[in-house]
Amino acid sequence: MMISNPVLAGFHADPSLLRVGDTYYIANSTFEWYPGVEIYQSKDLADWEHVISPLSERRLLDMTGCSSSCGVWAPCLSWADGVFYLIYTNVQSWNAGPWKDTPNFLTTARSIEGPWSDPVFLNSSGFDPSLFHDDDGRHYLVNMEWDYRKTGGYQFTGILLQEYDVSQKHLIGETRKIFTGTALQLVEGPHLYKRNGWYYLLTAEGGTTYEHAATVARSRSIEGPYEVHPANPLITSYDWPDHPLQRAGHASWCDTPNGRTYLAYLCGRPLPGTRNCPLGRETGIAELEWRDDWPYIKYADGSRNELYGASLPKWPPLTFESPVNGPAVAGSKARHYTFEGTVIDPAFKTLRMPKDPEIYSLAARPGFLRLRGGQSPVSRYQQTLLARRQEDFSFDAETYLEFEPESFQELAGLCWRYDEDNQYLFALTHDEDKGKVLATISMNGGKYFCTDNTPVGSAKGVWLGLSVRGRNGFFRYSLDGKHWNTLRPILDSAMLSDEYFREGFTGAFVGMFCIDTARYAAAADFAYFDYKPQ
């Protein structure tokens, strides 16, 4: 079975790949989105099922007040002696001049679905922590080191190693710097592996944009010295600017039961004709082949050194072969979300804090999702927002809303957003002269814009829609669910990408919101939410 990349579409950054028995797991960064750490499981590396997110309680993760693209960076999921280990960074500042505050924590569970233990603080010397379980029973933490004294991208000063004592639940012994990176610079994202007596150090280098890459080095001793792969980097898109999968790097690997090796890596798909990736950093997979105890990307077309001379192909493959036989898996699917029952679909995320059932209620009006108004769309504390990833360049989103705003300070509707500074809101609100109106609000680089308010009369409810076709998006509405009106302006999806201001790490989301900056009390009722790839 041939599988197409990316295997996890939309914002799924920094994949940590693990196999336990016949099940594969991928853990991804979630940054300011709650719950923290996204985990998926699969039997064939093609069909991925969402697992309950582990950091779903404030005792495990509190991101109140954190800036955009802070929060959970590059988690590492590992397993030893019947226990799952999850290490994560809760970044609390990252772009405040030369400083970064990056406390690293560890939580464990006997089952991938939890319960997860109270977090143990490890260190804060740098981010991207990873735990390695050696075959002699010892455990080691690796993370990148951040040196605030340096400038110009040279703050990434190497990879640190320290032993972790499982019984005492803290780090022990001396901290050693085992690798300072290569000429690609910006060394981070370390993972340690052992094979045939060699220790392999897999790191990310080059930054997370178009220069991104994964570097491999090896040593006979865990403390080094480490020699760099003779054809380094292992994977990158840098020298093929027209490749559909760009920004390849930040990777991890695992072996199958029969000894094949697969690499999960970060990648991004630019909008055609642009360098903007509104879908964010996604997850792709490649098979590795081993030669002279070094890993190389394996290509389905058999591309090898004979074709490329001394420069081996290192590009992310568009397809790879599954380790098991089975039917091909379709890509993104249309989803119709209803709000019956007692649990909101886990595809929907909140910002920085768990879903309070008093604010995100399925019980207040059975069959509807009731959102209680929160703070403004630029708040880092108490926004009321429920959104899911954009997974496709072209899609339609739709909902039905009943809301009776009494002032301009009460708004509810559809959002299409990247972060607080870059987002679009399609809001049902109140105007003193026109009554109930629809307004298109945009935040572009932190600057506020609003179109003329469109009256909707005394309609009990309004159908709201968003249609996106590549770079262009349009809000639309209906008063009967059949006849739709498209509103201006044209929305630019490129604005919802890392590259737009080069100041973030996430991706575009679409969802529902409710704002009440006067009383935090207004209630908006949503009957359903549709997401349909086009």
Protein backbone atom coordinates (compact mmCIF):
# COMPACT_ATOMS: atom_id res chain seq x y z
CA MET A 1 0.00 0.00 0.00
CA MET A 2 1.39 3.39 -1.03
CA ILE A 3 0.60 6.29 1.32
CA SER A 4 0.54 9.95 0.35
CA ASN A 5 2.10 12.75 2.36
CA PRO A 6 1.34 14.54 4.55
CA VAL A 7 -0.21 11.84 6.74
CA LEU A 8 -1.46 14.45 9.25
CA ALA A 9 -2.76 17.45 7.32
CA GLY A 10 -3.08 20.91 8.78
CA PHE A 11 -1.21 22.17 11.84
CA HIS A 12 0.63 19.07 13.17
CA ALA A 13 4.14 20.25 13.96
CA ASP A 14 7.21 18.57 15.47
CA PRO A 15 6.19 14.89 15.21
CA SER A 16 7.48 12.44 17.82
CA LEU A 17 7.10 8.92 16.39
CA LEU A 18 6.90 5.83 18.62
CA ARG A 19 5.98 2.17 18.22
CA VAL A 20 4.75 -0.02 21.07
CA GLY A 21 3.87 -3.55 19.99
CA ASP A 22 2.01 -3.32 16.69
CA THR A 23 0.75 0.24 17.29
CA TYR A 24 2.43 3.43 16.10
CA TYR A 25 1.96 6.77 17.84
CA ILE A 26 2.67 10.35 16.81
CA ALA A 27 2.73 13.22 19.30
CA ASN A 28 2.60 16.80 17.96
CA SER A 29 3.10 20.29 19.32
CA THR A 30 -0.03 22.31 20.10
CA PHE A 31 1.48 25.65 21.25
CA GLU A 32 -1.30 27.85 22.75
CA TRP A 33 -4.13 25.49 21.73
CA TYR A 34 -5.77 23.38 24.44
CA PRO A 35 -5.66 20.53 25.35
CA GLY A 36 -1.89 20.23 25.08
CA VAL A 37 -0.09 17.67 22.88
CA GLU A 38 -1.97 15.97 20.08
CA ILE A 39 -1.54 12.18 19.95
CA TYR A 40 -2.59 9.84 17.13
CA GLN A 41 -2.31 6.07 16.79
CA SER A 42 -2.14 3.80 13.77
CA LYS A 43 -1.54 0.17 12.78
CA ASP A 44 -0.29 0.94 9.26
CA LEU A 45 1.13 4.51 9.29
CA ALA A 46 -1.70 5.52 6.93
CA ASP A 47 -4.93 5.62 8.93
CA TRP A 48 -4.41 7.74 12.05
CA GLU A 49 -6.93 7.80 14.92
CA HIS A 50 -7.02 10.62 17.44
CA VAL A 51 -6.17 9.63 21.02
CA ILE A 52 -7.40 11.63 24.00
CA SER A 53 -5.00 14.54 24.44
CA PRO A 54 -2.93 13.94 27.58
CA LEU A 55 -2.55 17.52 28.88
CA SER A 56 -6.23 18.22 29.39
CA GLU A 57 -6.17 19.46 33.00
CA ARG A 58 -4.70 22.58 34.55
CA ARG A 59 -2.64 20.48 36.95
CA LEU A 60 -0.77 19.23 33.87
CA LEU A 61 -0.76 22.38 31.77
CA ASP A 62 -1.67 26.01 32.48
CA MET A 63 -1.07 28.44 29.62
CA THR A 64 -3.15 31.37 30.88
CA GLY A 65 -1.72 34.59 29.52
CA CYS A 66 0.90 33.01 27.26
CA SER A 67 1.68 34.76 23.99
CA SER A 68 0.83 33.34 20.60
CA SER A 69 3.07 30.41 19.64
CA CYS A 70 4.14 29.90 23.25
CA GLY A 71 2.80 26.91 25.18
CA VAL A 72 3.60 23.33 24.19
CA TRP A 73 6.67 22.95 21.98
CA ALA A 74 8.02 19.71 20.51
CA PRO A 75 6.76 17.02 22.91
CA CYS A 76 8.56 13.68 23.07
CA LEU A 77 6.59 10.46 23.57
CA SER A 78 8.60 7.39 24.60
CA TRP A 79 7.98 4.02 26.26
CA ALA A 80 9.97 1.77 28.60
CA ASP A 81 9.13 -1.02 31.06
CA GLY A 82 5.40 -0.76 30.43
CA VAL A 83 5.24 3.02 30.97
CA PHE A 84 4.59 5.87 28.52
CA TYR A 85 6.79 8.91 29.13
CA LEU A 86 5.68 12.28 27.80
CA ILE A 87 8.08 15.21 27.99
CA TYR A 88 6.98 18.69 26.98
CA THR A 89 8.01 22.32 27.22
CA ASN A 90 5.48 24.91 28.40
CA VAL A 91 7.12 27.93 26.78
CA GLN A 92 6.18 31.12 28.63
CA SER A 93 8.20 33.61 26.57
CA TRP A 94 10.10 33.14 23.33
CA ASN A 95 10.44 36.42 21.43
CA ALA A 96 11.15 38.91 24.21
CA GLY A 97 14.50 40.14 22.97
CA PRO A 98 17.23 37.56 23.67
CA TRP A 99 15.28 35.70 26.35
CA LYS A 100 13.31 32.47 26.39
CA ASP A 101 11.55 30.90 29.39
CA THR A 102 11.25 27.20 28.64
CA PRO A 103 10.39 25.00 31.64
CA ASN A 104 10.44 21.30 30.72
CA PHE A 105 8.15 18.75 32.38
CA LEU A 106 7.63 14.99 32.44
CA THR A 107 4.40 13.06 32.96
CA THR A 108 3.84 9.28 32.75
CA ALA A 109 0.99 6.82 32.25
CA ARG A 110 0.50 3.07 31.97
CA SER A 111 -2.03 3.59 29.15
CA ILE A 112 -1.80 6.03 26.27
CA GLU A 113 -5.24 7.30 27.29
CA GLY A 114 -4.07 8.04 30.84
CA PRO A 115 -4.49 8.87 33.58
CA TRP A 116 -1.28 10.91 33.40
CA SER A 117 0.77 11.59 36.51
CA ASP A 118 1.39 14.99 38.08
CA PRO A 119 4.11 16.74 36.06
CA VAL A 120 7.72 16.63 37.22
CA PHE A 121 9.85 19.69 36.51
CA LEU A 122 13.12 18.72 34.81
CA ASN A 123 15.01 21.85 33.73
CA SER A 124 14.67 25.06 31.73
CA SER A 125 18.08 25.37 30.06
CA GLY A 126 16.51 25.11 26.62
CA PHE A 127 13.55 23.64 24.75
CA ASP A 128 12.77 20.49 22.73
CA PRO A 129 13.47 17.93 25.50
CA SER A 130 13.59 14.24 24.67
CA LEU A 131 13.99 11.13 26.83
CA PHE A 132 16.18 8.21 25.75
CA HIS A 133 15.94 4.77 27.42
CA ASP A 134 19.22 2.91 27.03
CA ASP A 135 19.43 -0.89 26.89
CA ASP A 136 21.35 -0.97 30.19
CA GLY A 137 18.32 0.40 32.06
CA ARG A 138 19.57 3.99 32.33
CA HIS A 139 17.58 6.98 31.12
CA TYR A 140 18.85 10.24 29.63
CA LEU A 141 17.38 13.64 28.88
CA VAL A 142 18.57 15.65 25.89
CA ASN A 143 17.53 19.19 25.05
CA MET A 144 18.90 22.11 23.11
CA GLU A 145 20.72 24.86 25.02
CA TRP A 146 19.69 28.51 24.68
CA ASP A 147 22.36 31.15 25.36
CA TYR A 148 20.72 34.58 25.63
CA ARG A 149 24.12 36.33 25.47
CA LYS A 150 24.58 35.55 21.81
CA THR A 151 22.85 37.20 18.84
CA GLY A 152 22.09 36.63 15.18
CA GLY A 153 20.73 33.10 15.57
CA TYR A 154 23.73 31.86 17.51
CA GLN A 155 21.79 31.40 20.74
CA PHE A 156 21.37 27.72 19.75
CA THR A 157 24.62 26.59 21.35
CA GLY A 158 24.31 22.81 21.35
CA ILE A 159 22.63 19.69 22.67
CA LEU A 160 22.81 18.91 26.39
CA LEU A 161 22.74 15.42 27.94
CA GLN A 162 21.94 14.53 31.54
CA GLU A 163 20.88 11.30 33.24
CA TYR A 164 17.35 10.96 34.62
CA ASP A 165 16.66 8.84 37.72
CA VAL A 166 13.24 7.19 37.38
CA SER A 167 12.94 6.29 41.07
CA GLN A 168 13.91 9.75 42.35
CA LYS A 169 12.03 11.55 39.52
CA HIS A 170 14.74 14.10 38.84
CA LEU A 171 17.91 14.64 36.85
CA ILE A 172 21.19 13.43 38.30
CA GLY A 173 24.85 13.77 37.52
CA GLU A 174 26.72 16.21 35.35
CA THR A 175 25.19 18.01 32.38
CA ARG A 176 27.31 17.48 29.25
CA LYS A 177 27.20 19.22 25.89
CA ILE A 178 27.45 16.39 23.38
CA PHE A 179 26.90 18.17 20.05
CA THR A 180 27.19 21.75 18.82
CA GLY A 181 25.58 21.26 15.43
CA THR A 182 26.82 21.75 11.88
CA ALA A 183 27.21 24.66 9.49
CA LEU A 184 23.42 24.58 9.04
CA GLN A 185 23.22 26.16 12.53
CA LEU A 186 20.22 26.54 14.89
CA VAL A 187 20.58 23.01 16.27
CA GLU A 188 17.48 21.87 18.21
CA GLY A 189 14.88 19.07 18.36
CA PRO A 190 17.24 16.28 19.58
CA HIS A 191 16.34 12.58 19.72
CA LEU A 192 18.70 9.74 20.70
CA TYR A 193 18.55 6.19 19.31
CA LYS A 194 20.74 3.09 19.53
CA ARG A 195 21.39 0.56 16.77
CA ASN A 196 24.18 -2.00 16.22
CA GLY A 197 26.24 -0.50 19.02
CA TRP A 198 25.97 3.05 17.64
CA TYR A 199 24.26 5.96 19.38
CA TYR A 200 22.48 8.15 16.83
CA LEU A 201 21.66 11.77 17.52
CA LEU A 202 18.92 13.13 15.26
CA THR A 203 18.47 16.91 15.44
CA ALA A 204 16.70 19.73 13.60
CA GLU A 205 18.77 22.51 12.06
CA GLY A 206 18.42 25.52 9.81
CA GLY A 207 15.37 27.03 11.53
CA THR A 208 11.73 26.13 10.90
CA THR A 209 11.26 27.97 7.60
CA TYR A 210 12.48 27.08 4.12
CA GLU A 211 16.05 26.33 5.26
CA HIS A 212 14.82 23.65 7.67
CA ALA A 213 16.57 20.25 7.79
CA ALA A 214 17.18 17.15 9.91
CA THR A 215 20.77 16.28 10.80
CA VAL A 216 22.14 12.87 11.89
CA ALA A 217 25.33 12.17 13.83
CA ARG A 218 26.58 8.99 15.53
CA SER A 219 28.99 7.85 18.23
CA ARG A 220 30.05 4.67 20.00
CA SER A 221 29.58 6.52 23.30
CA ILE A 222 26.44 8.31 24.39
CA GLU A 223 28.57 11.27 25.49
CA GLY A 224 30.26 11.50 22.08
CA PRO A 225 32.16 12.67 20.20
CA TYR A 226 29.57 12.48 17.41
CA GLU A 227 30.51 12.26 13.73
CA VAL A 228 28.10 13.82 11.25
CA HIS A 229 26.40 11.83 8.48
CA PRO A 230 28.62 11.85 5.36
CA ALA A 231 25.68 13.03 3.22
CA ASN A 232 24.10 15.31 5.82
CA PRO A 233 21.37 16.52 6.08
CA LEU A 234 19.14 13.48 6.22
CA ILE A 235 16.10 15.34 4.85
CA THR A 236 15.47 18.88 3.61
CA SER A 237 13.51 20.73 0.91
CA TYR A 238 15.95 23.61 0.75
CA ASP A 239 17.54 22.79 -2.62
CA TRP A 240 14.24 22.06 -4.42
CA PRO A 241 12.14 25.25 -4.15
CA ASP A 242 9.33 23.88 -6.33
CA HIS A 243 8.82 20.68 -4.32
CA PRO A 244 5.22 20.46 -3.00
CA LEU A 245 6.49 19.65 0.51
CA GLN A 246 8.68 22.45 1.83
CA ARG A 247 10.30 23.22 5.21
CA ALA A 248 11.14 19.53 5.81
CA GLY A 249 12.99 18.87 9.04
CA HIS A 250 12.43 18.31 12.80
CA ALA A 251 12.10 14.54 12.69
CA SER A 252 12.05 11.32 14.71
CA TRP A 253 12.15 7.65 13.74
CA CYS A 254 11.14 4.19 14.93
CA ASP A 255 11.57 0.60 13.75
CA THR A 256 8.82 -1.81 12.72
CA PRO A 257 8.63 -5.29 14.28
CA ASN A 258 10.43 -6.72 11.23
CA GLY A 259 13.24 -4.16 11.28
CA ARG A 260 12.15 -1.52 8.76
CA THR A 261 12.72 2.10 9.85
CA TYR A 262 10.34 5.01 9.33
CA LEU A 263 10.95 8.71 9.81
CA ALA A 264 8.23 11.20 10.77
CA TYR A 265 9.15 14.75 9.83
CA LEU A 266 7.75 18.26 9.77
CA CYS A 267 6.81 19.81 6.40
CA GLY A 268 4.69 22.61 4.97
CA ARG A 269 2.70 23.03 1.75
CA PRO A 270 2.84 26.53 0.25
CA LEU A 271 -0.20 27.98 -1.46
CA PRO A 272 0.45 27.66 -5.21
CA GLY A 273 2.31 30.69 -6.43
CA THR A 274 3.25 31.85 -2.93
CA ARG A 275 5.64 31.06 -0.10
CA ASN A 276 2.83 31.06 2.48
CA CYS A 277 1.69 27.88 4.27
CA PRO A 278 -1.68 28.64 5.95
CA LEU A 279 -2.12 24.95 6.79
CA GLY A 280 0.85 25.30 9.10
CA ARG A 281 3.58 22.76 9.67
CA GLU A 282 2.26 19.28 8.88
CA THR A 283 3.51 15.73 9.44
CA GLY A 284 4.95 13.56 6.70
CA ILE A 285 6.55 10.10 6.83
CA ALA A 286 9.41 8.51 4.86
CA GLU A 287 10.97 5.07 5.01
CA LEU A 288 14.68 4.94 5.78
CA GLU A 289 17.20 2.48 4.38
CA TRP A 290 20.50 1.67 6.11
CA ARG A 291 23.88 1.60 4.41
CA ASP A 292 27.16 1.36 6.30
CA ASP A 293 25.20 1.96 9.51
CA TRP A 294 23.90 5.29 8.21
CA PRO A 295 20.23 6.06 7.43
CA TYR A 296 19.11 7.42 4.04
CA ILE A 297 15.70 8.41 2.71
CA LYS A 298 14.18 5.57 0.66
CA TYR A 299 12.23 6.58 -2.44
CA ALA A 300 9.46 4.60 -4.08
CA ASP A 301 10.96 5.27 -7.54
CA GLY A 302 14.32 3.82 -6.50
CA SER A 303 16.23 7.11 -6.73
CA ARG A 304 19.71 6.48 -5.39
CA ASN A 305 23.25 7.73 -5.47
CA GLU A 306 23.73 6.46 -9.05
CA LEU A 307 21.34 9.17 -10.25
CA TYR A 308 22.53 12.04 -8.12
CA GLY A 309 26.26 11.45 -7.74
CA ALA A 310 27.76 12.62 -4.48
CA SER A 311 24.63 14.60 -3.64
CA LEU A 312 22.09 12.04 -2.49
CA PRO A 313 18.41 13.02 -2.77
CA LYS A 314 17.20 14.27 0.60
CA TRP A 315 13.82 15.64 -0.37
CA PRO A 316 10.64 14.58 1.42
CA PRO A 317 8.96 11.82 -0.63
CA LEU A 318 5.41 12.43 -1.85
CA THR A 319 4.55 8.77 -1.16
CA PHE A 320 5.94 5.90 0.88
CA GLU A 321 5.16 2.21 1.30
CA SER A 322 3.20 1.08 4.33
CA PRO A 323 4.83 -1.58 6.51
CA VAL A 324 1.62 -3.64 6.29
CA ASN A 325 -0.75 -4.53 3.46
CA GLY A 326 -4.12 -2.88 3.34
CA PRO A 327 -6.48 -0.66 1.34
CA ALA A 328 -5.54 2.90 0.44
CA VAL A 329 -6.80 5.56 2.82
CA ALA A 330 -8.68 8.62 1.56
CA GLY A 331 -7.49 12.10 2.42
CA SER A 332 -9.38 14.83 4.25
CA LYS A 333 -13.08 14.08 4.70
CA ALA A 334 -16.17 16.22 5.13
CA ARG A 335 -17.32 16.42 8.73
CA HIS A 336 -20.75 17.31 10.09
CA TYR A 337 -20.48 18.06 13.79
CA THR A 338 -23.60 18.07 15.93
CA PHE A 339 -23.89 19.07 19.57
CA GLU A 340 -25.92 16.26 21.04
CA GLY A 341 -24.68 14.15 23.92
CA THR A 342 -22.25 15.23 26.61
CA VAL A 343 -18.87 15.52 24.88
CA ILE A 344 -17.65 18.08 22.35
CA ASP A 345 -15.78 16.44 19.48
CA PRO A 346 -12.02 16.43 20.26
CA ALA A 347 -11.27 17.99 16.86
CA PHE A 348 -12.34 21.29 18.45
CA LYS A 349 -9.73 23.16 20.48
CA THR A 350 -9.79 26.10 22.85
CA LEU A 351 -7.15 28.71 23.59
CA ARG A 352 -4.82 28.33 26.59
CA MET A 353 -7.29 26.72 29.00
CA PRO A 354 -9.69 23.75 29.27
CA LYS A 355 -13.31 23.90 28.13
CA ASP A 356 -15.30 25.12 31.14
CA PRO A 357 -18.75 23.44 30.84
CA GLU A 358 -20.34 26.64 32.12
CA ILE A 359 -18.87 28.49 29.12
CA TYR A 360 -18.95 25.70 26.51
CA SER A 361 -22.25 24.03 27.35
CA LEU A 362 -24.06 21.11 25.72
CA ALA A 363 -26.59 20.98 28.56
CA ALA A 364 -27.96 24.54 28.65
CA ARG A 365 -29.96 23.94 25.46
CA PRO A 366 -30.01 20.30 24.38
CA GLY A 367 -29.06 19.83 20.74
CA PHE A 368 -27.13 23.10 20.65
CA LEU A 369 -23.71 24.27 21.70
CA ARG A 370 -24.13 27.32 23.93
CA LEU A 371 -21.13 29.62 24.15
CA ARG A 372 -21.04 32.22 26.89
CA GLY A 373 -19.41 35.49 25.87
CA GLY A 374 -15.78 35.95 26.80
CA GLN A 375 -13.08 38.53 26.31
CA SER A 376 -12.03 40.23 23.08
CA PRO A 377 -10.42 38.36 20.16
CA VAL A 378 -7.00 39.64 21.19
CA SER A 379 -7.19 38.46 24.81
CA ARG A 380 -4.66 35.91 26.05
CA TYR A 381 -6.78 35.01 29.06
CA GLN A 382 -10.50 34.29 28.60
CA GLN A 383 -11.51 34.10 24.99
CA THR A 384 -14.56 31.96 24.23
CA LEU A 385 -13.49 30.26 21.03
CA LEU A 386 -13.96 26.71 19.75
CA ALA A 387 -12.11 25.91 16.52
CA ARG A 388 -10.66 23.08 14.46
CA ARG A 389 -7.71 22.93 12.07
CA GLN A 390 -7.90 23.95 8.45
CA GLU A 391 -6.66 20.87 6.58
CA ASP A 392 -7.24 21.89 2.96
CA PHE A 393 -6.40 24.83 0.72
CA SER A 394 -10.04 24.90 -0.42
CA PHE A 395 -12.95 24.18 1.90
CA ASP A 396 -16.39 25.32 3.07
CA ALA A 397 -17.33 25.86 6.72
CA GLU A 398 -20.87 26.49 7.89
CA THR A 399 -22.95 26.86 11.05
CA TYR A 400 -26.38 27.97 12.22
CA LEU A 401 -26.45 30.58 14.98
CA GLU A 402 -29.16 31.97 17.24
CA PHE A 403 -28.01 35.05 19.13
CA GLU A 404 -29.70 38.22 20.41
CA PRO A 405 -26.98 40.84 20.92
CA GLU A 406 -28.05 43.89 22.90
CA SER A 407 -25.04 46.09 22.23
CA PHE A 408 -21.99 46.46 20.00
CA GLN A 409 -19.98 44.79 22.76
CA GLU A 410 -21.73 41.47 22.16
CA LEU A 411 -20.61 39.49 19.10
CA ALA A 412 -20.85 35.85 18.02
CA GLY A 413 -20.24 33.93 14.83
CA LEU A 414 -17.54 32.34 12.67
CA CYS A 415 -13.80 32.86 12.99
CA TRP A 416 -10.96 32.06 10.62
CA ARG A 417 -7.73 32.73 12.45
CA TYR A 418 -4.01 32.28 12.83
CA ASP A 419 -3.50 34.14 16.10
CA GLU A 420 -4.63 37.26 17.93
CA ASP A 421 -2.90 39.58 15.45
CA ASN A 422 -4.01 37.82 12.28
CA GLN A 423 -7.62 36.68 12.03
CA TYR A 424 -11.04 37.19 10.44
CA LEU A 425 -14.33 37.31 12.34
CA PHE A 426 -17.81 37.08 10.83
CA ALA A 427 -19.83 38.50 13.68
CA LEU A 428 -23.53 38.82 14.43
CA THR A 429 -23.72 41.92 16.62
CA HIS A 430 -25.81 45.02 17.37
CA ASP A 431 -25.75 48.49 15.83
CA GLU A 432 -27.54 51.40 17.50
CA ASP A 433 -29.10 52.53 14.21
CA LYS A 434 -29.50 49.28 12.24
CA GLY A 435 -30.31 46.78 14.98
CA LYS A 436 -29.03 43.25 14.48
CA VAL A 437 -26.21 43.26 11.91
CA LEU A 438 -23.43 41.15 10.44
CA ALA A 439 -19.93 42.59 10.44
CA THR A 440 -16.71 41.32 8.87
CA ILE A 441 -13.82 42.12 11.20
CA SER A 442 -10.17 41.55 10.42
CA MET A 443 -7.01 41.85 12.45
CA ASN A 444 -4.05 42.27 10.11
CA GLY A 445 -0.72 42.52 11.85
CA GLY A 446 -2.59 43.67 14.95
CA LYS A 447 -4.48 46.41 13.09
CA TYR A 448 -8.29 46.43 13.26
CA PHE A 449 -10.53 46.71 10.19
CA CYS A 450 -14.33 46.37 9.90
CA THR A 451 -16.64 46.49 6.88
CA ASP A 452 -20.04 48.22 6.83
CA ASN A 453 -22.60 46.44 8.98
CA THR A 454 -25.19 44.38 7.06
CA PRO A 455 -28.68 44.39 8.67
CA VAL A 456 -30.39 41.02 9.10
CA GLY A 457 -33.68 42.26 10.52
CA SER A 458 -35.50 40.29 13.19
CA ALA A 459 -34.49 36.83 11.98
CA LYS A 460 -34.40 34.34 14.85
CA GLY A 461 -31.34 32.63 13.47
CA VAL A 462 -28.70 33.13 10.80
CA TRP A 463 -26.74 30.62 8.74
CA LEU A 464 -23.10 31.65 8.49
CA GLY A 465 -20.56 30.29 6.03
CA LEU A 466 -16.94 30.62 4.97
CA SER A 467 -15.80 29.52 1.51
CA VAL A 468 -12.08 29.34 0.82
CA ARG A 469 -10.58 28.61 -2.58
CA GLY A 470 -6.83 28.68 -2.39
CA ARG A 471 -5.71 32.15 -1.48
CA ASN A 472 -9.19 33.75 -1.57
CA GLY A 473 -11.88 33.41 1.08
CA PHE A 474 -15.41 34.82 1.38
CA PHE A 475 -17.89 35.05 4.22
CA ARG A 476 -21.51 34.34 3.31
CA TYR A 477 -24.85 34.23 5.11
CA SER A 478 -28.43 33.05 4.70
CA LEU A 479 -31.67 33.83 6.49
CA ASP A 480 -33.43 30.63 5.36
CA GLY A 481 -30.60 28.11 4.92
CA LYS A 482 -31.17 27.98 1.13
CA HIS A 483 -30.40 31.34 -0.42
CA TRP A 484 -26.92 32.64 0.33
CA ASN A 485 -25.43 36.11 0.13
CA THR A 486 -21.67 36.53 -0.32
CA LEU A 487 -20.09 39.52 1.40
CA ARG A 488 -17.01 41.54 0.69
CA PRO A 489 -14.11 41.94 1.24
CA ILE A 490 -12.07 39.08 -0.22
CA LEU A 491 -10.16 37.41 2.62
CA ASP A 492 -6.50 36.57 2.02
CA SER A 493 -5.58 33.14 3.38
CA ALA A 494 -1.87 33.99 3.09
CA MET A 495 -2.38 36.27 6.10
CA LEU A 496 -3.02 33.16 8.22
CA SER A 497 0.46 31.67 7.92
CA ASP A 498 3.82 31.63 9.69
CA GLU A 499 5.43 33.37 6.76
CA TYR A 500 3.13 36.40 6.74
CA PHE A 501 5.00 38.08 9.59
CA ARG A 502 7.50 35.27 10.32
CA GLU A 503 6.52 35.41 13.96
CA GLY A 504 4.69 32.18 14.71
CA PHE A 505 4.62 28.40 14.48
CA THR A 506 0.99 27.29 14.19
CA GLY A 507 -1.57 27.31 11.34
CA ALA A 508 -5.06 28.36 10.35
CA PHE A 509 -8.12 27.32 12.37
CA VAL A 510 -11.83 27.79 11.67
CA GLY A 511 -14.57 27.75 14.29
CA MET A 512 -17.10 29.52 16.48
CA PHE A 513 -16.78 32.33 19.01
CA CYS A 514 -18.78 34.48 21.40
CA ILE A 515 -17.65 37.83 22.83
CA ASP A 516 -19.20 39.98 25.55
CA THR A 517 -16.74 42.63 26.63
CA ALA A 518 -19.33 44.29 28.91
CA ARG A 519 -20.62 41.46 31.13
CA TYR A 520 -19.10 38.13 30.02
CA ALA A 521 -22.67 36.84 29.99
CA ALA A 522 -24.23 36.92 26.50
CA ALA A 523 -25.18 33.45 25.21
CA ALA A 524 -24.91 32.27 21.61
CA ASP A 525 -26.41 28.96 20.46
CA PHE A 526 -24.88 26.97 17.57
CA ALA A 527 -26.84 24.07 16.06
CA TYR A 528 -24.05 22.38 14.07
CA PHE A 529 -20.71 22.96 12.38
CA ASP A 530 -19.73 21.66 8.94
CA TYR A 531 -16.26 21.36 7.42
CA LYS A 532 -16.19 20.25 3.77
CA PRO A 533 -13.01 19.97 1.68
CA GLN A 534 -13.38 21.21 -1.88
